[in-house]
């Protein structure tokens, strides 16, 4: 009996849990990083990986906003958050969620655990963490993210603080 799982016809990319998507991406990007490092430098490799993940995050944000059909606010953002927490990928302590602000702490991050297990803990921030703010650029550029610490970089928790930008009078 094969351990391989098949993907049914008609399955969409968003049907695949994000944790699994990130693992597949990381498996490929690890080799891309190695090749770029061999040809130029580790610094250039990390820059390329960072830019690649940033562009991907912006595009994914745009796609979700387009599917909504209007400029999303933080209430909409809270509704899609289960995409990232699916399969217990993140354990979150929600502090406050309104149309104007959303504050929460991530107390467990399986993304970080996975990258470390893959030997990619040193670039996990490029593969996942940096995507968070970039996603907002595509989803709604009026959403700002402030985060001062991450589990990926050794903190006890990640502190996510999203705000809608104040409208000019």
C-alpha atoms as a PDB file:
ATOM      1  CA  UNK A   1       0.000   0.000   0.000  1.00  0.00           C
ATOM      2  CA  UNK A   2       1.399   3.375  -1.016  1.00  0.00           C
ATOM      3  CA  UNK A   3       1.874   6.205   1.467  1.00  0.00           C
ATOM      4  CA  UNK A   4       1.436   8.697  -1.368  1.00  0.00           C
ATOM      5  CA  UNK A   5      -1.710  10.801  -1.211  1.00  0.00           C
ATOM      6  CA  UNK A   6      -3.361  11.784  -4.460  1.00  0.00           C
ATOM      7  CA  UNK A   7      -4.856  15.181  -5.094  1.00  0.00           C
ATOM      8  CA  UNK A   8      -8.393  14.845  -6.449  1.00  0.00           C
ATOM      9  CA  UNK A   9      -9.259  16.430  -9.779  1.00  0.00           C
ATOM     10  CA  UNK A  10     -10.713  19.885  -9.290  1.00  0.00           C
ATOM     11  CA  UNK A  11      -8.816  20.528  -6.045  1.00  0.00           C
ATOM     12  CA  UNK A  12      -7.707  24.132  -5.705  1.00  0.00           C
ATOM     13  CA  UNK A  13      -4.482  25.385  -4.140  1.00  0.00           C
ATOM     14  CA  UNK A  14      -6.458  26.885  -1.252  1.00  0.00           C
ATOM     15  CA  UNK A  15      -7.794  23.408  -0.437  1.00  0.00           C
ATOM     16  CA  UNK A  16      -4.271  22.441   0.636  1.00  0.00           C
ATOM     17  CA  UNK A  17      -3.449  23.490   4.220  1.00  0.00           C
ATOM     18  CA  UNK A  18      -1.004  26.414   4.275  1.00  0.00           C
ATOM     19  CA  UNK A  19       1.366  24.507   6.567  1.00  0.00           C
ATOM     20  CA  UNK A  20       1.721  21.805   3.896  1.00  0.00           C
ATOM     21  CA  UNK A  21       2.041  24.424   1.142  1.00  0.00           C
ATOM     22  CA  UNK A  22       4.867  26.124   3.044  1.00  0.00           C
ATOM     23  CA  UNK A  23       6.631  22.784   3.513  1.00  0.00           C
ATOM     24  CA  UNK A  24       6.483  22.037  -0.210  1.00  0.00           C
ATOM     25  CA  UNK A  25       7.675  25.568  -1.034  1.00  0.00           C
ATOM     26  CA  UNK A  26      10.518  25.279   1.494  1.00  0.00           C
ATOM     27  CA  UNK A  27      11.661  21.961   0.042  1.00  0.00           C
ATOM     28  CA  UNK A  28      12.092  23.650  -3.337  1.00  0.00           C
ATOM     29  CA  UNK A  29      13.397  26.992  -2.073  1.00  0.00           C
ATOM     30  CA  UNK A  30      16.104  25.246  -0.041  1.00  0.00           C
ATOM     31  CA  UNK A  31      17.615  24.010  -3.302  1.00  0.00           C
ATOM     32  CA  UNK A  32      17.183  27.415  -4.936  1.00  0.00           C
ATOM     33  CA  UNK A  33      19.039  28.959  -1.980  1.00  0.00           C
ATOM     34  CA  UNK A  34      21.833  26.393  -2.309  1.00  0.00           C
ATOM     35  CA  UNK A  35      22.256  27.040  -6.048  1.00  0.00           C
ATOM     36  CA  UNK A  36      22.285  30.826  -5.690  1.00  0.00           C
ATOM     37  CA  UNK A  37      24.719  30.574  -2.764  1.00  0.00           C
ATOM     38  CA  UNK A  38      27.065  28.374  -4.834  1.00  0.00           C
ATOM     39  CA  UNK A  39      26.915  30.756  -7.806  1.00  0.00           C
ATOM     40  CA  UNK A  40      27.081  34.068  -5.986  1.00  0.00           C
ATOM     41  CA  UNK A  41      26.702  34.360  -2.202  1.00  0.00           C
ATOM     42  CA  UNK A  42      24.513  33.417   0.725  1.00  0.00           C
ATOM     43  CA  UNK A  43      23.507  37.074   1.020  1.00  0.00           C
ATOM     44  CA  UNK A  44      22.237  37.091  -2.574  1.00  0.00           C
ATOM     45  CA  UNK A  45      20.468  33.763  -2.033  1.00  0.00           C
ATOM     46  CA  UNK A  46      18.610  35.073   0.979  1.00  0.00           C
ATOM     47  CA  UNK A  47      17.726  38.290  -0.865  1.00  0.00           C
ATOM     48  CA  UNK A  48      16.239  36.299  -3.752  1.00  0.00           C
ATOM     49  CA  UNK A  49      14.296  33.990  -1.411  1.00  0.00           C
ATOM     50  CA  UNK A  50      13.018  36.987   0.561  1.00  0.00           C
ATOM     51  CA  UNK A  51      11.876  38.837  -2.564  1.00  0.00           C
ATOM     52  CA  UNK A  52      10.288  35.704  -4.002  1.00  0.00           C
ATOM     53  CA  UNK A  53       8.259  35.045  -0.852  1.00  0.00           C
ATOM     54  CA  UNK A  54       7.299  38.717  -0.632  1.00  0.00           C
ATOM     55  CA  UNK A  55       5.927  38.749  -4.187  1.00  0.00           C
ATOM     56  CA  UNK A  56       4.047  35.518  -3.524  1.00  0.00           C
ATOM     57  CA  UNK A  57       2.471  36.920  -0.338  1.00  0.00           C
ATOM     58  CA  UNK A  58       1.350  40.114  -2.092  1.00  0.00           C
ATOM     59  CA  UNK A  59      -0.179  38.082  -4.922  1.00  0.00           C
ATOM     60  CA  UNK A  60      -2.011  35.798  -2.490  1.00  0.00           C
ATOM     61  CA  UNK A  61      -3.368  38.826  -0.644  1.00  0.00           C
ATOM     62  CA  UNK A  62      -4.633  40.296  -3.907  1.00  0.00           C
ATOM     63  CA  UNK A  63      -6.334  37.043  -4.844  1.00  0.00           C
ATOM     64  CA  UNK A  64      -8.186  36.816  -1.541  1.00  0.00           C
ATOM     65  CA  UNK A  65      -9.248  40.467  -1.724  1.00  0.00           C
ATOM     66  CA  UNK A  66     -10.494  40.015  -5.301  1.00  0.00           C
ATOM     67  CA  UNK A  67     -12.517  36.989  -4.231  1.00  0.00           C
ATOM     68  CA  UNK A  68     -14.156  39.153  -1.562  1.00  0.00           C
ATOM     69  CA  UNK A  69     -15.029  41.776  -4.170  1.00  0.00           C
ATOM     70  CA  UNK A  70     -14.310  44.819  -2.012  1.00  0.00           C
ATOM     71  CA  UNK A  71     -11.588  46.342   0.130  1.00  0.00           C
ATOM     72  CA  UNK A  72     -11.382  44.030   3.160  1.00  0.00           C
ATOM     73  CA  UNK A  73     -11.179  45.322   6.702  1.00  0.00           C
ATOM     74  CA  UNK A  74      -9.842  43.596   9.792  1.00  0.00           C
ATOM     75  CA  UNK A  75     -13.151  41.833  10.428  1.00  0.00           C
ATOM     76  CA  UNK A  76     -12.733  40.172   7.040  1.00  0.00           C
ATOM     77  CA  UNK A  77      -9.111  39.417   7.898  1.00  0.00           C
ATOM     78  CA  UNK A  78     -10.186  37.707  11.135  1.00  0.00           C
ATOM     79  CA  UNK A  79     -12.566  35.536   9.100  1.00  0.00           C
ATOM     80  CA  UNK A  80      -9.742  34.182   6.910  1.00  0.00           C
ATOM     81  CA  UNK A  81      -7.361  33.620   9.832  1.00  0.00           C
ATOM     82  CA  UNK A  82      -8.408  29.944  10.107  1.00  0.00           C
ATOM     83  CA  UNK A  83      -6.538  29.399   6.826  1.00  0.00           C
ATOM     84  CA  UNK A  84      -3.253  29.932   8.700  1.00  0.00           C
ATOM     85  CA  UNK A  85      -4.248  28.116  11.894  1.00  0.00           C
ATOM     86  CA  UNK A  86      -5.668  25.055  10.112  1.00  0.00           C
ATOM     87  CA  UNK A  87      -4.400  21.714  11.418  1.00  0.00           C
ATOM     88  CA  UNK A  88      -3.192  23.447  14.592  1.00  0.00           C
ATOM     89  CA  UNK A  89      -0.477  25.238  12.607  1.00  0.00           C
ATOM     90  CA  UNK A  90      -0.675  28.205  14.983  1.00  0.00           C
ATOM     91  CA  UNK A  91      -1.954  28.501  18.517  1.00  0.00           C
ATOM     92  CA  UNK A  92      -3.324  31.986  18.994  1.00  0.00           C
ATOM     93  CA  UNK A  93      -4.317  34.047  21.982  1.00  0.00           C
ATOM     94  CA  UNK A  94      -6.763  36.638  20.594  1.00  0.00           C
ATOM     95  CA  UNK A  95      -6.575  39.915  22.500  1.00  0.00           C
ATOM     96  CA  UNK A  96      -8.905  42.158  20.479  1.00  0.00           C
ATOM     97  CA  UNK A  97     -10.594  42.066  17.081  1.00  0.00           C
ATOM     98  CA  UNK A  98     -12.605  44.937  15.577  1.00  0.00           C
ATOM     99  CA  UNK A  99     -12.920  46.537  12.144  1.00  0.00           C
ATOM    100  CA  UNK A 100     -10.081  48.920  13.061  1.00  0.00           C
ATOM    101  CA  UNK A 101      -7.654  46.739  15.019  1.00  0.00           C
ATOM    102  CA  UNK A 102      -6.729  43.146  15.613  1.00  0.00           C
ATOM    103  CA  UNK A 103      -4.270  42.147  18.307  1.00  0.00           C
ATOM    104  CA  UNK A 104      -3.197  38.608  19.040  1.00  0.00           C
ATOM    105  CA  UNK A 105      -0.224  36.589  20.183  1.00  0.00           C
ATOM    106  CA  UNK A 106       0.937  33.380  18.586  1.00  0.00           C
ATOM    107  CA  UNK A 107       1.975  31.077  21.411  1.00  0.00           C
ATOM    108  CA  UNK A 108       2.935  28.073  19.264  1.00  0.00           C
ATOM    109  CA  UNK A 109       4.097  28.126  15.658  1.00  0.00           C
ATOM    110  CA  UNK A 110       4.340  24.829  13.814  1.00  0.00           C
ATOM    111  CA  UNK A 111       5.742  26.740  10.826  1.00  0.00           C
ATOM    112  CA  UNK A 112       8.802  27.574  12.927  1.00  0.00           C
ATOM    113  CA  UNK A 113       9.027  24.010  14.219  1.00  0.00           C
ATOM    114  CA  UNK A 114       8.783  22.630  10.684  1.00  0.00           C
ATOM    115  CA  UNK A 115      11.503  24.892   9.270  1.00  0.00           C
ATOM    116  CA  UNK A 116      13.842  23.990  12.118  1.00  0.00           C
ATOM    117  CA  UNK A 117      13.202  20.282  11.513  1.00  0.00           C
ATOM    118  CA  UNK A 118      14.009  20.856   7.826  1.00  0.00           C
ATOM    119  CA  UNK A 119      17.282  22.602   8.714  1.00  0.00           C
ATOM    120  CA  UNK A 120      15.869  25.934   7.508  1.00  0.00           C
ATOM    121  CA  UNK A 121      15.303  27.674  10.823  1.00  0.00           C
ATOM    122  CA  UNK A 122      17.821  30.363   9.890  1.00  0.00           C
ATOM    123  CA  UNK A 123      15.677  31.484   6.927  1.00  0.00           C
ATOM    124  CA  UNK A 124      12.235  30.687   8.359  1.00  0.00           C
ATOM    125  CA  UNK A 125      11.560  34.397   8.721  1.00  0.00           C
ATOM    126  CA  UNK A 126      12.007  34.764   4.941  1.00  0.00           C
ATOM    127  CA  UNK A 127       9.793  31.768   4.195  1.00  0.00           C
ATOM    128  CA  UNK A 128       6.925  32.703   6.516  1.00  0.00           C
ATOM    129  CA  UNK A 129       7.235  35.603   8.972  1.00  0.00           C
ATOM    130  CA  UNK A 130       8.048  38.319   6.455  1.00  0.00           C
ATOM    131  CA  UNK A 131       5.050  37.247   4.386  1.00  0.00           C
ATOM    132  CA  UNK A 132       2.630  38.526   7.044  1.00  0.00           C
ATOM    133  CA  UNK A 133       3.114  42.239   6.380  1.00  0.00           C
ATOM    134  CA  UNK A 134       3.568  41.691   2.639  1.00  0.00           C
ATOM    135  CA  UNK A 135       0.247  39.848   2.479  1.00  0.00           C
ATOM    136  CA  UNK A 136      -1.435  43.054   3.696  1.00  0.00           C
ATOM    137  CA  UNK A 137       0.002  45.020   0.770  1.00  0.00           C
ATOM    138  CA  UNK A 138      -1.993  42.844  -1.609  1.00  0.00           C
ATOM    139  CA  UNK A 139      -5.000  42.209   0.627  1.00  0.00           C
ATOM    140  CA  UNK A 140      -5.552  45.809   1.679  1.00  0.00           C
ATOM    141  CA  UNK A 141      -2.678  48.318   1.792  1.00  0.00           C
ATOM    142  CA  UNK A 142      -4.643  50.243   4.431  1.00  0.00           C
ATOM    143  CA  UNK A 143      -3.808  47.478   6.934  1.00  0.00           C
ATOM    144  CA  UNK A 144      -0.579  47.930   8.898  1.00  0.00           C
ATOM    145  CA  UNK A 145       1.161  45.191  10.843  1.00  0.00           C
ATOM    146  CA  UNK A 146       3.443  45.860  13.773  1.00  0.00           C
ATOM    147  CA  UNK A 147       5.270  42.915  15.269  1.00  0.00           C
ATOM    148  CA  UNK A 148       8.217  43.278  17.603  1.00  0.00           C
ATOM    149  CA  UNK A 149       9.085  39.611  18.151  1.00  0.00           C
ATOM    150  CA  UNK A 150       8.617  36.151  16.688  1.00  0.00           C
ATOM    151  CA  UNK A 151       8.972  32.586  17.845  1.00  0.00           C
ATOM    152  CA  UNK A 152      11.011  32.029  14.675  1.00  0.00           C
ATOM    153  CA  UNK A 153      13.660  34.415  16.031  1.00  0.00           C
ATOM    154  CA  UNK A 154      13.618  32.866  19.523  1.00  0.00           C
ATOM    155  CA  UNK A 155      10.909  34.809  21.376  1.00  0.00           C
ATOM    156  CA  UNK A 156       8.340  33.124  23.612  1.00  0.00           C
ATOM    157  CA  UNK A 157       5.539  34.329  21.320  1.00  0.00           C
ATOM    158  CA  UNK A 158       4.824  36.444  18.247  1.00  0.00           C
ATOM    159  CA  UNK A 159       2.998  39.717  18.901  1.00  0.00           C
ATOM    160  CA  UNK A 160       0.757  40.603  15.965  1.00  0.00           C
ATOM    161  CA  UNK A 161      -0.784  44.082  16.037  1.00  0.00           C
ATOM    162  CA  UNK A 162      -2.821  44.974  12.960  1.00  0.00           C
ATOM    163  CA  UNK A 163      -4.320  48.441  12.460  1.00  0.00           C
ATOM    164  CA  UNK A 164      -6.356  50.106   9.760  1.00  0.00           C
ATOM    165  CA  UNK A 165      -4.599  53.274   8.670  1.00  0.00           C
ATOM    166  CA  UNK A 166      -6.346  56.467   9.725  1.00  0.00           C
ATOM    167  CA  UNK A 167      -8.159  58.148   6.871  1.00  0.00           C
ATOM    168  CA  UNK A 168      -7.118  61.713   6.048  1.00  0.00           C
ATOM    169  CA  UNK A 169      -9.862  64.255   6.752  1.00  0.00           C
END
